[in-house]
């Protein structure tokens, strides 16, 4: 998972996880300061799963020093 500066396009940070496929990210927690990262194991061989047994898990990354933005509920 990488963080990119939207103004310069430069990589600011990288978070390495013990999985082959990261599928999505979202901020959560009471202060939106926890990065939740989902991963997948679909299509992985038995050998790949042995190397990355955490594949398919959800990870909570703390201590990044950044926060997400609250969701806006649209009225339709």
PDB file of N, CA and C in Angstrom:
ATOM      1  N   UNK A   1       0.865  -1.161   0.000  1.00  0.00           N
ATOM      2  CA  UNK A   1       0.000   0.000   0.000  1.00  0.00           C
ATOM      3  C   UNK A   1       0.908   1.219   0.000  1.00  0.00           C
ATOM      4  N   UNK A   2       0.662   2.148  -0.924  1.00  0.00           N
ATOM      5  CA  UNK A   2       1.489   3.352  -0.971  1.00  0.00           C
ATOM      6  C   UNK A   2       0.632   4.604  -0.836  1.00  0.00           C
ATOM      7  N   UNK A   3       1.242   5.646  -0.291  1.00  0.00           N
ATOM      8  CA  UNK A   3       0.609   6.959  -0.198  1.00  0.00           C
ATOM      9  C   UNK A   3       1.311   7.861  -1.200  1.00  0.00           C
ATOM     10  N   UNK A   4       0.525   8.523  -2.043  1.00  0.00           N
ATOM     11  CA  UNK A   4       1.044   9.403  -3.084  1.00  0.00           C
ATOM     12  C   UNK A   4       0.620  10.840  -2.796  1.00  0.00           C
ATOM     13  N   UNK A   5       1.541  11.772  -2.927  1.00  0.00           N
ATOM     14  CA  UNK A   5       1.208  13.187  -2.810  1.00  0.00           C
ATOM     15  C   UNK A   5       0.403  13.579  -4.046  1.00  0.00           C
ATOM     16  N   UNK A   6      -0.847  14.047  -3.885  1.00  0.00           N
ATOM     17  CA  UNK A   6      -1.680  14.355  -5.051  1.00  0.00           C
ATOM     18  C   UNK A   6      -1.179  15.546  -5.862  1.00  0.00           C
ATOM     19  N   UNK A   7      -0.363  16.392  -5.258  1.00  0.00           N
ATOM     20  CA  UNK A   7       0.139  17.570  -5.966  1.00  0.00           C
ATOM     21  C   UNK A   7       1.401  17.286  -6.774  1.00  0.00           C
ATOM     22  N   UNK A   8       2.266  16.435  -6.237  1.00  0.00           N
ATOM     23  CA  UNK A   8       3.545  16.179  -6.905  1.00  0.00           C
ATOM     24  C   UNK A   8       3.609  14.814  -7.574  1.00  0.00           C
ATOM     25  N   UNK A   9       2.729  13.905  -7.154  1.00  0.00           N
ATOM     26  CA  UNK A   9       2.772  12.548  -7.685  1.00  0.00           C
ATOM     27  C   UNK A   9       3.863  11.692  -7.072  1.00  0.00           C
ATOM     28  N   UNK A  10       4.562  12.225  -6.084  1.00  0.00           N
ATOM     29  CA  UNK A  10       5.650  11.483  -5.446  1.00  0.00           C
ATOM     30  C   UNK A  10       5.114  10.565  -4.353  1.00  0.00           C
ATOM     31  N   UNK A  11       5.773   9.426  -4.230  1.00  0.00           N
ATOM     32  CA  UNK A  11       5.411   8.479  -3.172  1.00  0.00           C
ATOM     33  C   UNK A  11       5.885   9.026  -1.836  1.00  0.00           C
ATOM     34  N   UNK A  12       4.964   9.085  -0.867  1.00  0.00           N
ATOM     35  CA  UNK A  12       5.287   9.596   0.457  1.00  0.00           C
ATOM     36  C   UNK A  12       5.613   8.481   1.441  1.00  0.00           C
ATOM     37  N   UNK A  13       4.946   7.340   1.271  1.00  0.00           N
ATOM     38  CA  UNK A  13       5.082   6.272   2.250  1.00  0.00           C
ATOM     39  C   UNK A  13       4.659   4.962   1.623  1.00  0.00           C
ATOM     40  N   UNK A  14       5.206   3.875   2.156  1.00  0.00           N
ATOM     41  CA  UNK A  14       4.794   2.537   1.743  1.00  0.00           C
ATOM     42  C   UNK A  14       4.552   1.696   2.989  1.00  0.00           C
ATOM     43  N   UNK A  15       3.475   0.944   2.972  1.00  0.00           N
ATOM     44  CA  UNK A  15       3.157   0.000   4.044  1.00  0.00           C
ATOM     45  C   UNK A  15       3.195  -1.387   3.423  1.00  0.00           C
ATOM     46  N   UNK A  16       4.085  -2.219   3.922  1.00  0.00           N
ATOM     47  CA  UNK A  16       4.235  -3.570   3.392  1.00  0.00           C
ATOM     48  C   UNK A  16       3.442  -4.545   4.249  1.00  0.00           C
ATOM     49  N   UNK A  17       2.667  -5.385   3.595  1.00  0.00           N
ATOM     50  CA  UNK A  17       1.871  -6.399   4.288  1.00  0.00           C
ATOM     51  C   UNK A  17       2.265  -7.777   3.763  1.00  0.00           C
ATOM     52  N   UNK A  18       2.062  -8.828   4.570  1.00  0.00           N
ATOM     53  CA  UNK A  18       2.499 -10.173   4.180  1.00  0.00           C
ATOM     54  C   UNK A  18       1.508 -10.891   3.269  1.00  0.00           C
ATOM     55  N   UNK A  19       1.059 -10.206   2.230  1.00  0.00           N
ATOM     56  CA  UNK A  19       0.077 -10.779   1.306  1.00  0.00           C
ATOM     57  C   UNK A  19       0.475 -10.469  -0.129  1.00  0.00           C
ATOM     58  N   UNK A  20      -0.054 -11.254  -1.052  1.00  0.00           N
ATOM     59  CA  UNK A  20       0.220 -11.045  -2.471  1.00  0.00           C
ATOM     60  C   UNK A  20      -0.721 -10.004  -3.077  1.00  0.00           C
ATOM     61  N   UNK A  21      -1.999 -10.057  -2.682  1.00  0.00           N
ATOM     62  CA  UNK A  21      -3.006  -9.180  -3.285  1.00  0.00           C
ATOM     63  C   UNK A  21      -3.683  -8.302  -2.242  1.00  0.00           C
ATOM     64  N   UNK A  22      -3.462  -6.983  -2.311  1.00  0.00           N
ATOM     65  CA  UNK A  22      -4.233  -6.018  -1.530  1.00  0.00           C
ATOM     66  C   UNK A  22      -5.428  -5.645  -2.386  1.00  0.00           C
ATOM     67  N   UNK A  23      -6.634  -5.633  -1.787  1.00  0.00           N
ATOM     68  CA  UNK A  23      -7.832  -5.377  -2.580  1.00  0.00           C
ATOM     69  C   UNK A  23      -8.467  -4.014  -2.334  1.00  0.00           C
ATOM     70  N   UNK A  24      -8.363  -3.498  -1.109  1.00  0.00           N
ATOM     71  CA  UNK A  24      -9.003  -2.217  -0.835  1.00  0.00           C
ATOM     72  C   UNK A  24      -8.456  -1.639   0.463  1.00  0.00           C
ATOM     73  N   UNK A  25      -8.666  -0.342   0.644  1.00  0.00           N
ATOM     74  CA  UNK A  25      -8.286   0.329   1.885  1.00  0.00           C
ATOM     75  C   UNK A  25      -9.412   1.264   2.311  1.00  0.00           C
ATOM     76  N   UNK A  26      -9.499   1.505   3.616  1.00  0.00           N
ATOM     77  CA  UNK A  26     -10.472   2.455   4.155  1.00  0.00           C
ATOM     78  C   UNK A  26      -9.994   2.900   5.529  1.00  0.00           C
ATOM     79  N   UNK A  27     -10.248   4.157   5.865  1.00  0.00           N
ATOM     80  CA  UNK A  27      -9.931   4.636   7.203  1.00  0.00           C
ATOM     81  C   UNK A  27     -11.111   4.380   8.119  1.00  0.00           C
ATOM     82  N   UNK A  28     -10.820   4.056   9.374  1.00  0.00           N
ATOM     83  CA  UNK A  28     -11.858   3.813  10.363  1.00  0.00           C
ATOM     84  C   UNK A  28     -11.331   4.128  11.747  1.00  0.00           C
ATOM     85  N   UNK A  29     -12.056   3.655  12.741  1.00  0.00           N
ATOM     86  CA  UNK A  29     -11.725   3.970  14.120  1.00  0.00           C
ATOM     87  C   UNK A  29     -12.431   5.247  14.531  1.00  0.00           C
ATOM     88  N   UNK A  30     -12.460   5.504  15.823  1.00  0.00           N
ATOM     89  CA  UNK A  30     -13.175   6.667  16.355  1.00  0.00           C
ATOM     90  C   UNK A  30     -12.670   7.981  15.768  1.00  0.00           C
ATOM     91  N   UNK A  31     -11.378   8.049  15.467  1.00  0.00           N
ATOM     92  CA  UNK A  31     -10.782   9.280  14.935  1.00  0.00           C
ATOM     93  C   UNK A  31     -10.389   9.161  13.466  1.00  0.00           C
ATOM     94  N   UNK A  32     -10.855   8.107  12.807  1.00  0.00           N
ATOM     95  CA  UNK A  32     -10.506   7.828  11.406  1.00  0.00           C
ATOM     96  C   UNK A  32      -8.990   7.758  11.203  1.00  0.00           C
ATOM     97  N   UNK A  33      -8.289   7.246  12.219  1.00  0.00           N
ATOM     98  CA  UNK A  33      -6.831   7.183  12.153  1.00  0.00           C
ATOM     99  C   UNK A  33      -6.285   5.759  12.034  1.00  0.00           C
ATOM    100  N   UNK A  34      -7.154   4.813  11.753  1.00  0.00           N
ATOM    101  CA  UNK A  34      -6.742   3.429  11.529  1.00  0.00           C
ATOM    102  C   UNK A  34      -6.991   3.107  10.059  1.00  0.00           C
ATOM    103  N   UNK A  35      -5.969   2.636   9.374  1.00  0.00           N
ATOM    104  CA  UNK A  35      -6.115   2.246   7.975  1.00  0.00           C
ATOM    105  C   UNK A  35      -6.439   0.759   7.928  1.00  0.00           C
ATOM    106  N   UNK A  36      -7.619   0.426   7.435  1.00  0.00           N
ATOM    107  CA  UNK A  36      -8.009  -0.978   7.268  1.00  0.00           C
ATOM    108  C   UNK A  36      -7.695  -1.387   5.837  1.00  0.00           C
ATOM    109  N   UNK A  37      -7.031  -2.523   5.706  1.00  0.00           N
ATOM    110  CA  UNK A  37      -6.597  -3.012   4.401  1.00  0.00           C
ATOM    111  C   UNK A  37      -7.121  -4.426   4.216  1.00  0.00           C
ATOM    112  N   UNK A  38      -7.857  -4.650   3.128  1.00  0.00           N
ATOM    113  CA  UNK A  38      -8.340  -5.997   2.827  1.00  0.00           C
ATOM    114  C   UNK A  38      -7.409  -6.647   1.815  1.00  0.00           C
ATOM    115  N   UNK A  39      -7.416  -7.975   1.836  1.00  0.00           N
ATOM    116  CA  UNK A  39      -6.573  -8.726   0.909  1.00  0.00           C
ATOM    117  C   UNK A  39      -7.359  -9.909   0.367  1.00  0.00           C
ATOM    118  N   UNK A  40      -6.796 -10.558  -0.649  1.00  0.00           N
ATOM    119  CA  UNK A  40      -7.488 -11.680  -1.288  1.00  0.00           C
ATOM    120  C   UNK A  40      -6.556 -12.871  -1.415  1.00  0.00           C
ATOM    121  N   UNK A  41      -7.181 -14.038  -1.549  1.00  0.00           N
ATOM    122  CA  UNK A  41      -6.425 -15.256  -1.813  1.00  0.00           C
ATOM    123  C   UNK A  41      -6.966 -16.010  -3.016  1.00  0.00           C
ATOM    124  N   UNK A  42      -7.987 -15.452  -3.652  1.00  0.00           N
ATOM    125  CA  UNK A  42      -8.584 -16.099  -4.822  1.00  0.00           C
ATOM    126  C   UNK A  42      -7.545 -16.189  -5.934  1.00  0.00           C
ATOM    127  N   UNK A  43      -7.450 -17.336  -6.533  1.00  0.00           N
ATOM    128  CA  UNK A  43      -6.534 -17.546  -7.639  1.00  0.00           C
ATOM    129  C   UNK A  43      -5.114 -17.883  -7.228  1.00  0.00           C
ATOM    130  N   UNK A  44      -4.849 -17.937  -5.929  1.00  0.00           N
ATOM    131  CA  UNK A  44      -3.504 -18.267  -5.474  1.00  0.00           C
ATOM    132  C   UNK A  44      -3.322 -19.782  -5.434  1.00  0.00           C
ATOM    133  N   UNK A  45      -2.136 -20.225  -5.761  1.00  0.00           N
ATOM    134  CA  UNK A  45      -1.829 -21.653  -5.704  1.00  0.00           C
ATOM    135  C   UNK A  45      -1.568 -22.056  -4.251  1.00  0.00           C
ATOM    136  N   UNK A  46      -1.560 -23.357  -4.001  1.00  0.00           N
ATOM    137  CA  UNK A  46      -1.262 -23.847  -2.653  1.00  0.00           C
ATOM    138  C   UNK A  46       0.117 -23.378  -2.195  1.00  0.00           C
ATOM    139  N   UNK A  47       1.068 -23.356  -3.107  1.00  0.00           N
ATOM    140  CA  UNK A  47       2.420 -22.913  -2.761  1.00  0.00           C
ATOM    141  C   UNK A  47       2.438 -21.429  -2.398  1.00  0.00           C
ATOM    142  N   UNK A  48       1.699 -20.613  -3.151  1.00  0.00           N
ATOM    143  CA  UNK A  48       1.618 -19.182  -2.834  1.00  0.00           C
ATOM    144  C   UNK A  48       0.954 -18.962  -1.483  1.00  0.00           C
ATOM    145  N   UNK A  49      -0.075 -19.749  -1.182  1.00  0.00           N
ATOM    146  CA  UNK A  49      -0.755 -19.623   0.107  1.00  0.00           C
ATOM    147  C   UNK A  49       0.161 -20.025   1.258  1.00  0.00           C
ATOM    148  N   UNK A  50       1.034 -20.993   1.034  1.00  0.00           N
ATOM    149  CA  UNK A  50       2.001 -21.370   2.070  1.00  0.00           C
ATOM    150  C   UNK A  50       2.980 -20.234   2.335  1.00  0.00           C
ATOM    151  N   UNK A  51       3.346 -19.489   1.297  1.00  0.00           N
ATOM    152  CA  UNK A  51       4.269 -18.363   1.443  1.00  0.00           C
ATOM    153  C   UNK A  51       3.584 -17.140   2.049  1.00  0.00           C
ATOM    154  N   UNK A  52       2.284 -16.994   1.798  1.00  0.00           N
ATOM    155  CA  UNK A  52       1.516 -15.839   2.288  1.00  0.00           C
ATOM    156  C   UNK A  52       0.241 -16.321   2.966  1.00  0.00           C
ATOM    157  N   UNK A  53       0.362 -16.995   4.124  1.00  0.00           N
ATOM    158  CA  UNK A  53      -0.826 -17.563   4.763  1.00  0.00           C
ATOM    159  C   UNK A  53      -1.829 -16.525   5.269  1.00  0.00           C
ATOM    160  N   UNK A  54      -1.424 -15.271   5.388  1.00  0.00           N
ATOM    161  CA  UNK A  54      -2.343 -14.220   5.842  1.00  0.00           C
ATOM    162  C   UNK A  54      -3.214 -13.684   4.713  1.00  0.00           C
ATOM    163  N   UNK A  55      -3.000 -14.171   3.504  1.00  0.00           N
ATOM    164  CA  UNK A  55      -3.813 -13.713   2.372  1.00  0.00           C
ATOM    165  C   UNK A  55      -5.285 -13.972   2.651  1.00  0.00           C
ATOM    166  N   UNK A  56      -6.117 -12.990   2.345  1.00  0.00           N
ATOM    167  CA  UNK A  56      -7.546 -13.081   2.620  1.00  0.00           C
ATOM    168  C   UNK A  56      -7.941 -12.389   3.912  1.00  0.00           C
ATOM    169  N   UNK A  57      -6.959 -11.932   4.673  1.00  0.00           N
ATOM    170  CA  UNK A  57      -7.224 -11.285   5.959  1.00  0.00           C
ATOM    171  C   UNK A  57      -7.483  -9.793   5.780  1.00  0.00           C
ATOM    172  N   UNK A  58      -8.005  -9.189   6.853  1.00  0.00           N
ATOM    173  CA  UNK A  58      -8.159  -7.740   6.942  1.00  0.00           C
ATOM    174  C   UNK A  58      -7.136  -7.261   7.968  1.00  0.00           C
ATOM    175  N   UNK A  59      -6.389  -6.234   7.622  1.00  0.00           N
ATOM    176  CA  UNK A  59      -5.351  -5.699   8.494  1.00  0.00           C
ATOM    177  C   UNK A  59      -5.758  -4.322   8.995  1.00  0.00           C
ATOM    178  N   UNK A  60      -5.412  -4.013  10.243  1.00  0.00           N
ATOM    179  CA  UNK A  60      -5.615  -2.690  10.825  1.00  0.00           C
ATOM    180  C   UNK A  60      -4.234  -2.089  11.056  1.00  0.00           C
ATOM    181  N   UNK A  61      -3.934  -1.004  10.353  1.00  0.00           N
ATOM    182  CA  UNK A  61      -2.622  -0.367  10.445  1.00  0.00           C
ATOM    183  C   UNK A  61      -2.767   0.884  11.309  1.00  0.00           C
ATOM    184  N   UNK A  62      -2.050   0.905  12.425  1.00  0.00           N
ATOM    185  CA  UNK A  62      -2.110   2.025  13.372  1.00  0.00           C
ATOM    186  C   UNK A  62      -0.827   2.849  13.286  1.00  0.00           C
ATOM    187  N   UNK A  63      -0.884   4.071  13.790  1.00  0.00           N
ATOM    188  CA  UNK A  63       0.309   4.889  13.944  1.00  0.00           C
ATOM    189  C   UNK A  63       0.845   5.527  12.680  1.00  0.00           C
ATOM    190  N   UNK A  64       0.006   5.744  11.700  1.00  0.00           N
ATOM    191  CA  UNK A  64       0.470   6.354  10.453  1.00  0.00           C
ATOM    192  C   UNK A  64       0.591   7.874  10.545  1.00  0.00           C
ATOM    193  N   UNK A  65      -0.062   8.472  11.522  1.00  0.00           N
ATOM    194  CA  UNK A  65       0.001   9.922  11.653  1.00  0.00           C
ATOM    195  C   UNK A  65      -0.838  10.662  10.639  1.00  0.00           C
ATOM    196  N   UNK A  66      -1.805   9.995  10.076  1.00  0.00           N
ATOM    197  CA  UNK A  66      -2.710  10.617   9.112  1.00  0.00           C
ATOM    198  C   UNK A  66      -4.122  10.122   9.396  1.00  0.00           C
ATOM    199  N   UNK A  67      -5.108  10.850   8.928  1.00  0.00           N
ATOM    200  CA  UNK A  67      -6.498  10.460   9.165  1.00  0.00           C
ATOM    201  C   UNK A  67      -7.288  10.522   7.861  1.00  0.00           C
ATOM    202  N   UNK A  68      -8.371   9.784   7.836  1.00  0.00           N
ATOM    203  CA  UNK A  68      -9.278   9.817   6.699  1.00  0.00           C
ATOM    204  C   UNK A  68     -10.276  10.949   6.853  1.00  0.00           C
ATOM    205  N   UNK A  69     -11.168  11.065   5.903  1.00  0.00           N
ATOM    206  CA  UNK A  69     -12.215  12.082   5.963  1.00  0.00           C
ATOM    207  C   UNK A  69     -13.551  11.400   6.206  1.00  0.00           C
ATOM    208  N   UNK A  70     -14.440  12.052   6.958  1.00  0.00           N
ATOM    209  CA  UNK A  70     -15.747  11.450   7.213  1.00  0.00           C
ATOM    210  C   UNK A  70     -16.534  11.264   5.921  1.00  0.00           C
ATOM    211  N   UNK A  71     -17.384  10.259   5.918  1.00  0.00           N
ATOM    212  CA  UNK A  71     -18.253  10.028   4.764  1.00  0.00           C
ATOM    213  C   UNK A  71     -19.335  11.092   4.733  1.00  0.00           C
ATOM    214  N   UNK A  72     -19.778  11.424   3.553  1.00  0.00           N
ATOM    215  CA  UNK A  72     -20.886  12.352   3.383  1.00  0.00           C
ATOM    216  C   UNK A  72     -22.090  11.545   2.935  1.00  0.00           C
ATOM    217  N   UNK A  73     -23.152  11.617   3.698  1.00  0.00           N
ATOM    218  CA  UNK A  73     -24.378  10.910   3.346  1.00  0.00           C
ATOM    219  C   UNK A  73     -25.234  11.800   2.457  1.00  0.00           C
ATOM    220  N   UNK A  74     -25.361  11.415   1.223  1.00  0.00           N
ATOM    221  CA  UNK A  74     -26.169  12.179   0.277  1.00  0.00           C
ATOM    222  C   UNK A  74     -27.648  11.910   0.522  1.00  0.00           C
ATOM    223  N   UNK A  75     -28.457  12.930   0.358  1.00  0.00           N
ATOM    224  CA  UNK A  75     -29.904  12.776   0.469  1.00  0.00           C
ATOM    225  C   UNK A  75     -30.461  12.716  -0.935  1.00  0.00           C
ATOM    226  N   UNK A  76     -31.070  11.593  -1.240  1.00  0.00           N
ATOM    227  CA  UNK A  76     -31.582  11.402  -2.593  1.00  0.00           C
ATOM    228  C   UNK A  76     -33.073  11.187  -2.564  1.00  0.00           C
TER     229      UNK A  76
END
